[in-house]
Amino acid sequence: MVYWSETIDDAIAPRCASFPAGAMAEALSLTEILRRRQSRGEPICFVTLCSENPNSVGPAGVADPPADYAWKKRRP
């Protein structure tokens, strides 16, 4: 996903564009276009690119360890 904001009539409007898996070049291209427009003085800000790991094995964020997990701090 590419996210950015535009100022329209003194209001900030959030925008986004979605890309299919494997379309990193297209996402980077849009990011570069938006940053060039921003550098020319157009009311664009907060341009960012974000991805999600499709091979994630658990829910996003912090999760409790399994009940049988026994962590021990080892000191030399």
PDB file of N, CA and C in Angstrom:
ATOM      1  N   MET A   1       0.848  -1.176   0.000  1.00  0.00           N
ATOM      2  CA  MET A   1       0.000   0.000   0.000  1.00  0.00           C
ATOM      3  C   MET A   1       0.891   1.236   0.000  1.00  0.00           C
ATOM      4  N   VAL A   2       0.439   2.240  -0.696  1.00  0.00           N
ATOM      5  CA  VAL A   2       1.072   3.550  -0.637  1.00  0.00           C
ATOM      6  C   VAL A   2       0.046   4.489  -0.004  1.00  0.00           C
ATOM      7  N   TYR A   3       0.486   5.226   0.998  1.00  0.00           N
ATOM      8  CA  TYR A   3      -0.384   6.176   1.702  1.00  0.00           C
ATOM      9  C   TYR A   3       0.181   7.573   1.539  1.00  0.00           C
ATOM     10  N   TRP A   4      -0.703   8.570   1.422  1.00  0.00           N
ATOM     11  CA  TRP A   4      -0.287   9.961   1.393  1.00  0.00           C
ATOM     12  C   TRP A   4      -1.479  10.829   1.760  1.00  0.00           C
ATOM     13  N   SER A   5      -1.203  12.093   2.010  1.00  0.00           N
ATOM     14  CA  SER A   5      -2.265  13.054   2.330  1.00  0.00           C
ATOM     15  C   SER A   5      -2.170  14.218   1.368  1.00  0.00           C
ATOM     16  N   GLU A   6      -3.319  14.778   1.042  1.00  0.00           N
ATOM     17  CA  GLU A   6      -3.394  15.974   0.207  1.00  0.00           C
ATOM     18  C   GLU A   6      -4.218  17.013   0.946  1.00  0.00           C
ATOM     19  N   THR A   7      -3.824  18.266   0.804  1.00  0.00           N
ATOM     20  CA  THR A   7      -4.601  19.358   1.388  1.00  0.00           C
ATOM     21  C   THR A   7      -5.529  19.895   0.312  1.00  0.00           C
ATOM     22  N   ILE A   8      -6.831  19.807   0.578  1.00  0.00           N
ATOM     23  CA  ILE A   8      -7.852  20.277  -0.357  1.00  0.00           C
ATOM     24  C   ILE A   8      -8.768  21.232   0.388  1.00  0.00           C
ATOM     25  N   ASP A   9      -8.811  22.480  -0.052  1.00  0.00           N
ATOM     26  CA  ASP A   9      -9.645  23.510   0.594  1.00  0.00           C
ATOM     27  C   ASP A   9      -9.384  23.567   2.098  1.00  0.00           C
ATOM     28  N   ASP A  10      -8.128  23.635   2.487  1.00  0.00           N
ATOM     29  CA  ASP A  10      -7.688  23.734   3.883  1.00  0.00           C
ATOM     30  C   ASP A  10      -8.049  22.520   4.742  1.00  0.00           C
ATOM     31  N   ALA A  11      -8.385  21.415   4.111  1.00  0.00           N
ATOM     32  CA  ALA A  11      -8.654  20.180   4.843  1.00  0.00           C
ATOM     33  C   ALA A  11      -7.693  19.105   4.346  1.00  0.00           C
ATOM     34  N   ILE A  12      -7.187  18.306   5.265  1.00  0.00           N
ATOM     35  CA  ILE A  12      -6.275  17.229   4.890  1.00  0.00           C
ATOM     36  C   ILE A  12      -7.097  16.002   4.523  1.00  0.00           C
ATOM     37  N   ALA A  13      -6.865  15.503   3.306  1.00  0.00           N
ATOM     38  CA  ALA A  13      -7.589  14.332   2.815  1.00  0.00           C
ATOM     39  C   ALA A  13      -6.623  13.155   2.703  1.00  0.00           C
ATOM     40  N   PRO A  14      -6.874  12.080   3.452  1.00  0.00           N
ATOM     41  CA  PRO A  14      -6.003  10.902   3.340  1.00  0.00           C
ATOM     42  C   PRO A  14      -6.274  10.152   2.041  1.00  0.00           C
ATOM     43  N   ARG A  15      -5.225   9.621   1.465  1.00  0.00           N
ATOM     44  CA  ARG A  15      -5.337   8.863   0.220  1.00  0.00           C
ATOM     45  C   ARG A  15      -4.542   7.564   0.343  1.00  0.00           C
ATOM     46  N   CYS A  16      -4.882   6.574  -0.467  1.00  0.00           N
ATOM     47  CA  CYS A  16      -4.103   5.338  -0.497  1.00  0.00           C
ATOM     48  C   CYS A  16      -4.263   4.667  -1.855  1.00  0.00           C
ATOM     49  N   ALA A  17      -3.295   3.815  -2.172  1.00  0.00           N
ATOM     50  CA  ALA A  17      -3.350   3.009  -3.390  1.00  0.00           C
ATOM     51  C   ALA A  17      -2.882   1.606  -3.025  1.00  0.00           C
ATOM     52  N   SER A  18      -3.618   0.608  -3.479  1.00  0.00           N
ATOM     53  CA  SER A  18      -3.302  -0.782  -3.192  1.00  0.00           C
ATOM     54  C   SER A  18      -2.655  -1.416  -4.419  1.00  0.00           C
ATOM     55  N   PHE A  19      -1.726  -2.331  -4.172  1.00  0.00           N
ATOM     56  CA  PHE A  19      -1.028  -3.020  -5.253  1.00  0.00           C
ATOM     57  C   PHE A  19      -1.052  -4.513  -4.979  1.00  0.00           C
ATOM     58  N   PRO A  20      -1.113  -5.329  -6.021  1.00  0.00           N
ATOM     59  CA  PRO A  20      -1.079  -6.779  -5.805  1.00  0.00           C
ATOM     60  C   PRO A  20       0.313  -7.237  -5.384  1.00  0.00           C
ATOM     61  N   ALA A  21       0.380  -8.427  -4.840  1.00  0.00           N
ATOM     62  CA  ALA A  21       1.672  -9.000  -4.456  1.00  0.00           C
ATOM     63  C   ALA A  21       2.579  -9.050  -5.681  1.00  0.00           C
ATOM     64  N   GLY A  22       3.827  -8.705  -5.494  1.00  0.00           N
ATOM     65  CA  GLY A  22       4.779  -8.730  -6.591  1.00  0.00           C
ATOM     66  C   GLY A  22       4.834  -7.451  -7.407  1.00  0.00           C
ATOM     67  N   ALA A  23       4.109  -6.429  -6.997  1.00  0.00           N
ATOM     68  CA  ALA A  23       4.084  -5.171  -7.751  1.00  0.00           C
ATOM     69  C   ALA A  23       4.863  -4.069  -7.028  1.00  0.00           C
ATOM     70  N   MET A  24       5.993  -4.450  -6.442  1.00  0.00           N
ATOM     71  CA  MET A  24       6.795  -3.476  -5.695  1.00  0.00           C
ATOM     72  C   MET A  24       7.283  -2.342  -6.591  1.00  0.00           C
ATOM     73  N   ALA A  25       7.665  -2.631  -7.820  1.00  0.00           N
ATOM     74  CA  ALA A  25       8.161  -1.587  -8.728  1.00  0.00           C
ATOM     75  C   ALA A  25       7.087  -0.529  -8.975  1.00  0.00           C
ATOM     76  N   GLU A  26       5.856  -0.947  -9.148  1.00  0.00           N
ATOM     77  CA  GLU A  26       4.759  -0.010  -9.380  1.00  0.00           C
ATOM     78  C   GLU A  26       4.494   0.841  -8.136  1.00  0.00           C
ATOM     79  N   ALA A  27       4.550   0.215  -6.962  1.00  0.00           N
ATOM     80  CA  ALA A  27       4.347   0.963  -5.718  1.00  0.00           C
ATOM     81  C   ALA A  27       5.458   1.989  -5.516  1.00  0.00           C
ATOM     82  N   LEU A  28       6.692   1.598  -5.779  1.00  0.00           N
ATOM     83  CA  LEU A  28       7.809   2.534  -5.657  1.00  0.00           C
ATOM     84  C   LEU A  28       7.699   3.665  -6.667  1.00  0.00           C
ATOM     85  N   SER A  29       7.227   3.348  -7.857  1.00  0.00           N
ATOM     86  CA  SER A  29       7.046   4.372  -8.891  1.00  0.00           C
ATOM     87  C   SER A  29       6.026   5.422  -8.452  1.00  0.00           C
ATOM     88  N   LEU A  30       4.894   4.971  -7.911  1.00  0.00           N
ATOM     89  CA  LEU A  30       3.884   5.921  -7.424  1.00  0.00           C
ATOM     90  C   LEU A  30       4.452   6.767  -6.287  1.00  0.00           C
ATOM     91  N   THR A  31       5.193   6.146  -5.382  1.00  0.00           N
ATOM     92  CA  THR A  31       5.803   6.884  -4.280  1.00  0.00           C
ATOM     93  C   THR A  31       6.725   7.971  -4.809  1.00  0.00           C
ATOM     94  N   GLU A  32       7.518   7.648  -5.803  1.00  0.00           N
ATOM     95  CA  GLU A  32       8.437   8.629  -6.396  1.00  0.00           C
ATOM     96  C   GLU A  32       7.663   9.756  -7.080  1.00  0.00           C
ATOM     97  N   ILE A  33       6.608   9.430  -7.791  1.00  0.00           N
ATOM     98  CA  ILE A  33       5.772  10.456  -8.440  1.00  0.00           C
ATOM     99  C   ILE A  33       5.200  11.411  -7.402  1.00  0.00           C
ATOM    100  N   LEU A  34       4.662  10.853  -6.312  1.00  0.00           N
ATOM    101  CA  LEU A  34       4.071  11.687  -5.261  1.00  0.00           C
ATOM    102  C   LEU A  34       5.130  12.582  -4.612  1.00  0.00           C
ATOM    103  N   ARG A  35       6.317  12.040  -4.353  1.00  0.00           N
ATOM    104  CA  ARG A  35       7.374  12.845  -3.731  1.00  0.00           C
ATOM    105  C   ARG A  35       7.878  13.932  -4.669  1.00  0.00           C
ATOM    106  N   ARG A  36       7.906  13.672  -5.961  1.00  0.00           N
ATOM    107  CA  ARG A  36       8.275  14.724  -6.925  1.00  0.00           C
ATOM    108  C   ARG A  36       7.228  15.823  -6.945  1.00  0.00           C
ATOM    109  N   ARG A  37       5.950  15.439  -6.922  1.00  0.00           N
ATOM    110  CA  ARG A  37       4.879  16.443  -6.878  1.00  0.00           C
ATOM    111  C   ARG A  37       5.002  17.285  -5.614  1.00  0.00           C
ATOM    112  N   GLN A  38       5.321  16.621  -4.495  1.00  0.00           N
ATOM    113  CA  GLN A  38       5.501  17.326  -3.227  1.00  0.00           C
ATOM    114  C   GLN A  38       6.656  18.318  -3.322  1.00  0.00           C
ATOM    115  N   SER A  39       7.760  17.901  -3.933  1.00  0.00           N
ATOM    116  CA  SER A  39       8.923  18.788  -4.040  1.00  0.00           C
ATOM    117  C   SER A  39       8.663  19.959  -4.974  1.00  0.00           C
ATOM    118  N   ARG A  40       7.696  19.822  -5.887  1.00  0.00           N
ATOM    119  CA  ARG A  40       7.319  20.948  -6.759  1.00  0.00           C
ATOM    120  C   ARG A  40       6.364  21.923  -6.071  1.00  0.00           C
ATOM    121  N   GLY A  41       5.986  21.612  -4.820  1.00  0.00           N
ATOM    122  CA  GLY A  41       5.133  22.520  -4.065  1.00  0.00           C
ATOM    123  C   GLY A  41       3.668  22.152  -4.017  1.00  0.00           C
ATOM    124  N   GLU A  42       3.310  21.011  -4.584  1.00  0.00           N
ATOM    125  CA  GLU A  42       1.908  20.590  -4.506  1.00  0.00           C
ATOM    126  C   GLU A  42       1.583  20.208  -3.063  1.00  0.00           C
ATOM    127  N   PRO A  43       0.322  20.372  -2.648  1.00  0.00           N
ATOM    128  CA  PRO A  43      -0.053  20.132  -1.247  1.00  0.00           C
ATOM    129  C   PRO A  43      -0.166  18.647  -0.895  1.00  0.00           C
ATOM    130  N   ILE A  44       0.951  17.936  -1.010  1.00  0.00           N
ATOM    131  CA  ILE A  44       1.007  16.504  -0.697  1.00  0.00           C
ATOM    132  C   ILE A  44       1.987  16.319   0.453  1.00  0.00           C
ATOM    133  N   CYS A  45       1.619  15.468   1.419  1.00  0.00           N
ATOM    134  CA  CYS A  45       2.521  15.208   2.537  1.00  0.00           C
ATOM    135  C   CYS A  45       2.317  13.780   3.036  1.00  0.00           C
ATOM    136  N   PHE A  46       3.178  13.344   3.940  1.00  0.00           N
ATOM    137  CA  PHE A  46       3.119  12.021   4.576  1.00  0.00           C
ATOM    138  C   PHE A  46       3.104  10.876   3.555  1.00  0.00           C
ATOM    139  N   VAL A  47       3.975  10.952   2.575  1.00  0.00           N
ATOM    140  CA  VAL A  47       4.070   9.891   1.570  1.00  0.00           C
ATOM    141  C   VAL A  47       4.829   8.720   2.184  1.00  0.00           C
ATOM    142  N   THR A  48       4.203   7.558   2.182  1.00  0.00           N
ATOM    143  CA  THR A  48       4.856   6.382   2.747  1.00  0.00           C
ATOM    144  C   THR A  48       4.400   5.119   2.035  1.00  0.00           C
ATOM    145  N   LEU A  49       5.241   4.114   2.112  1.00  0.00           N
ATOM    146  CA  LEU A  49       4.954   2.818   1.516  1.00  0.00           C
ATOM    147  C   LEU A  49       4.967   1.787   2.639  1.00  0.00           C
ATOM    148  N   CYS A  50       4.014   0.891   2.635  1.00  0.00           N
ATOM    149  CA  CYS A  50       3.903  -0.097   3.708  1.00  0.00           C
ATOM    150  C   CYS A  50       3.547  -1.441   3.095  1.00  0.00           C
ATOM    151  N   SER A  51       4.106  -2.511   3.669  1.00  0.00           N
ATOM    152  CA  SER A  51       3.773  -3.843   3.167  1.00  0.00           C
ATOM    153  C   SER A  51       3.446  -4.769   4.329  1.00  0.00           C
ATOM    154  N   GLU A  52       2.778  -5.843   3.999  1.00  0.00           N
ATOM    155  CA  GLU A  52       2.409  -6.840   4.991  1.00  0.00           C
ATOM    156  C   GLU A  52       3.064  -8.155   4.586  1.00  0.00           C
ATOM    157  N   ASN A  53       3.619  -8.858   5.541  1.00  0.00           N
ATOM    158  CA  ASN A  53       4.280 -10.122   5.252  1.00  0.00           C
ATOM    159  C   ASN A  53       3.232 -11.201   4.993  1.00  0.00           C
ATOM    160  N   PRO A  54       3.132 -11.696   3.763  1.00  0.00           N
ATOM    161  CA  PRO A  54       2.118 -12.719   3.472  1.00  0.00           C
ATOM    162  C   PRO A  54       2.445 -14.072   4.099  1.00  0.00           C
ATOM    163  N   ASN A  55       3.671 -14.248   4.575  1.00  0.00           N
ATOM    164  CA  ASN A  55       4.077 -15.515   5.173  1.00  0.00           C
ATOM    165  C   ASN A  55       4.085 -15.464   6.697  1.00  0.00           C
ATOM    166  N   SER A  56       3.410 -14.500   7.265  1.00  0.00           N
ATOM    167  CA  SER A  56       3.357 -14.375   8.711  1.00  0.00           C
ATOM    168  C   SER A  56       2.703 -15.617   9.307  1.00  0.00           C
ATOM    169  N   VAL A  57       3.261 -16.094  10.410  1.00  0.00           N
ATOM    170  CA  VAL A  57       2.737 -17.326  11.005  1.00  0.00           C
ATOM    171  C   VAL A  57       1.798 -17.080  12.178  1.00  0.00           C
ATOM    172  N   GLY A  58       1.623 -15.846  12.571  1.00  0.00           N
ATOM    173  CA  GLY A  58       0.754 -15.548  13.699  1.00  0.00           C
ATOM    174  C   GLY A  58       0.087 -14.205  13.516  1.00  0.00           C
ATOM    175  N   PRO A  59      -0.759 -13.818  14.441  1.00  0.00           N
ATOM    176  CA  PRO A  59      -1.428 -12.531  14.336  1.00  0.00           C
ATOM    177  C   PRO A  59      -0.426 -11.389  14.508  1.00  0.00           C
ATOM    178  N   ALA A  60      -0.725 -10.276  13.881  1.00  0.00           N
ATOM    179  CA  ALA A  60       0.135  -9.108  13.997  1.00  0.00           C
ATOM    180  C   ALA A  60       0.110  -8.573  15.423  1.00  0.00           C
ATOM    181  N   GLY A  61       1.210  -7.996  15.852  1.00  0.00           N
ATOM    182  CA  GLY A  61       1.283  -7.428  17.194  1.00  0.00           C
ATOM    183  C   GLY A  61       1.911  -8.386  18.180  1.00  0.00           C
ATOM    184  N   VAL A  62       1.774  -8.047  19.434  1.00  0.00           N
ATOM    185  CA  VAL A  62       2.367  -8.851  20.493  1.00  0.00           C
ATOM    186  C   VAL A  62       1.379  -9.925  20.920  1.00  0.00           C
ATOM    187  N   ALA A  63       1.892 -11.124  21.107  1.00  0.00           N
ATOM    188  CA  ALA A  63       1.043 -12.234  21.544  1.00  0.00           C
ATOM    189  C   ALA A  63       1.672 -12.881  22.768  1.00  0.00           C
ATOM    190  N   ASP A  64       0.850 -13.478  23.608  1.00  0.00           N
ATOM    191  CA  ASP A  64       1.362 -14.201  24.768  1.00  0.00           C
ATOM    192  C   ASP A  64       2.102 -15.450  24.288  1.00  0.00           C
ATOM    193  N   PRO A  65       3.166 -15.827  24.995  1.00  0.00           N
ATOM    194  CA  PRO A  65       3.865 -17.064  24.624  1.00  0.00           C
ATOM    195  C   PRO A  65       2.994 -18.269  24.941  1.00  0.00           C
ATOM    196  N   PRO A  66       3.284 -19.401  24.315  1.00  0.00           N
ATOM    197  CA  PRO A  66       2.505 -20.606  24.627  1.00  0.00           C
ATOM    198  C   PRO A  66       2.675 -21.004  26.090  1.00  0.00           C
ATOM    199  N   ALA A  67       1.707 -21.718  26.621  1.00  0.00           N
ATOM    200  CA  ALA A  67       1.715 -22.092  28.042  1.00  0.00           C
ATOM    201  C   ALA A  67       2.937 -22.932  28.411  1.00  0.00           C
ATOM    202  N   ASP A  68       3.464 -23.722  27.475  1.00  0.00           N
ATOM    203  CA  ASP A  68       4.595 -24.589  27.785  1.00  0.00           C
ATOM    204  C   ASP A  68       5.956 -23.922  27.541  1.00  0.00           C
ATOM    205  N   TYR A  69       5.961 -22.615  27.234  1.00  0.00           N
ATOM    206  CA  TYR A  69       7.211 -21.908  26.975  1.00  0.00           C
ATOM    207  C   TYR A  69       7.879 -21.550  28.297  1.00  0.00           C
ATOM    208  N   ALA A  70       9.129 -21.968  28.476  1.00  0.00           N
ATOM    209  CA  ALA A  70       9.855 -21.700  29.724  1.00  0.00           C
ATOM    210  C   ALA A  70      11.109 -20.868  29.418  1.00  0.00           C
ATOM    211  N   TRP A  71      10.991 -19.583  29.528  1.00  0.00           N
ATOM    212  CA  TRP A  71      12.107 -18.696  29.260  1.00  0.00           C
ATOM    213  C   TRP A  71      12.940 -18.520  30.538  1.00  0.00           C
ATOM    214  N   LYS A  72      14.237 -18.589  30.399  1.00  0.00           N
ATOM    215  CA  LYS A  72      15.129 -18.401  31.523  1.00  0.00           C
ATOM    216  C   LYS A  72      16.263 -17.495  31.101  1.00  0.00           C
ATOM    217  N   LYS A  73      16.552 -16.532  31.933  1.00  0.00           N
ATOM    218  CA  LYS A  73      17.677 -15.642  31.657  1.00  0.00           C
ATOM    219  C   LYS A  73      18.959 -16.327  32.123  1.00  0.00           C
ATOM    220  N   ARG A  74      19.887 -16.447  31.239  1.00  0.00           N
ATOM    221  CA  ARG A  74      21.151 -17.095  31.565  1.00  0.00           C
ATOM    222  C   ARG A  74      22.228 -16.019  31.726  1.00  0.00           C
ATOM    223  N   ARG A  75      22.924 -16.111  32.828  1.00  0.00           N
ATOM    224  CA  ARG A  75      24.012 -15.156  33.078  1.00  0.00           C
ATOM    225  C   ARG A  75      25.329 -15.907  33.048  1.00  0.00           C
ATOM    226  N   PRO A  76      26.393 -15.263  32.543  1.00  0.00           N
ATOM    227  CA  PRO A  76      27.693 -15.939  32.486  1.00  0.00           C
ATOM    228  C   PRO A  76      28.292 -16.167  33.850  1.00  0.00           C
TER     229      PRO A  76
END
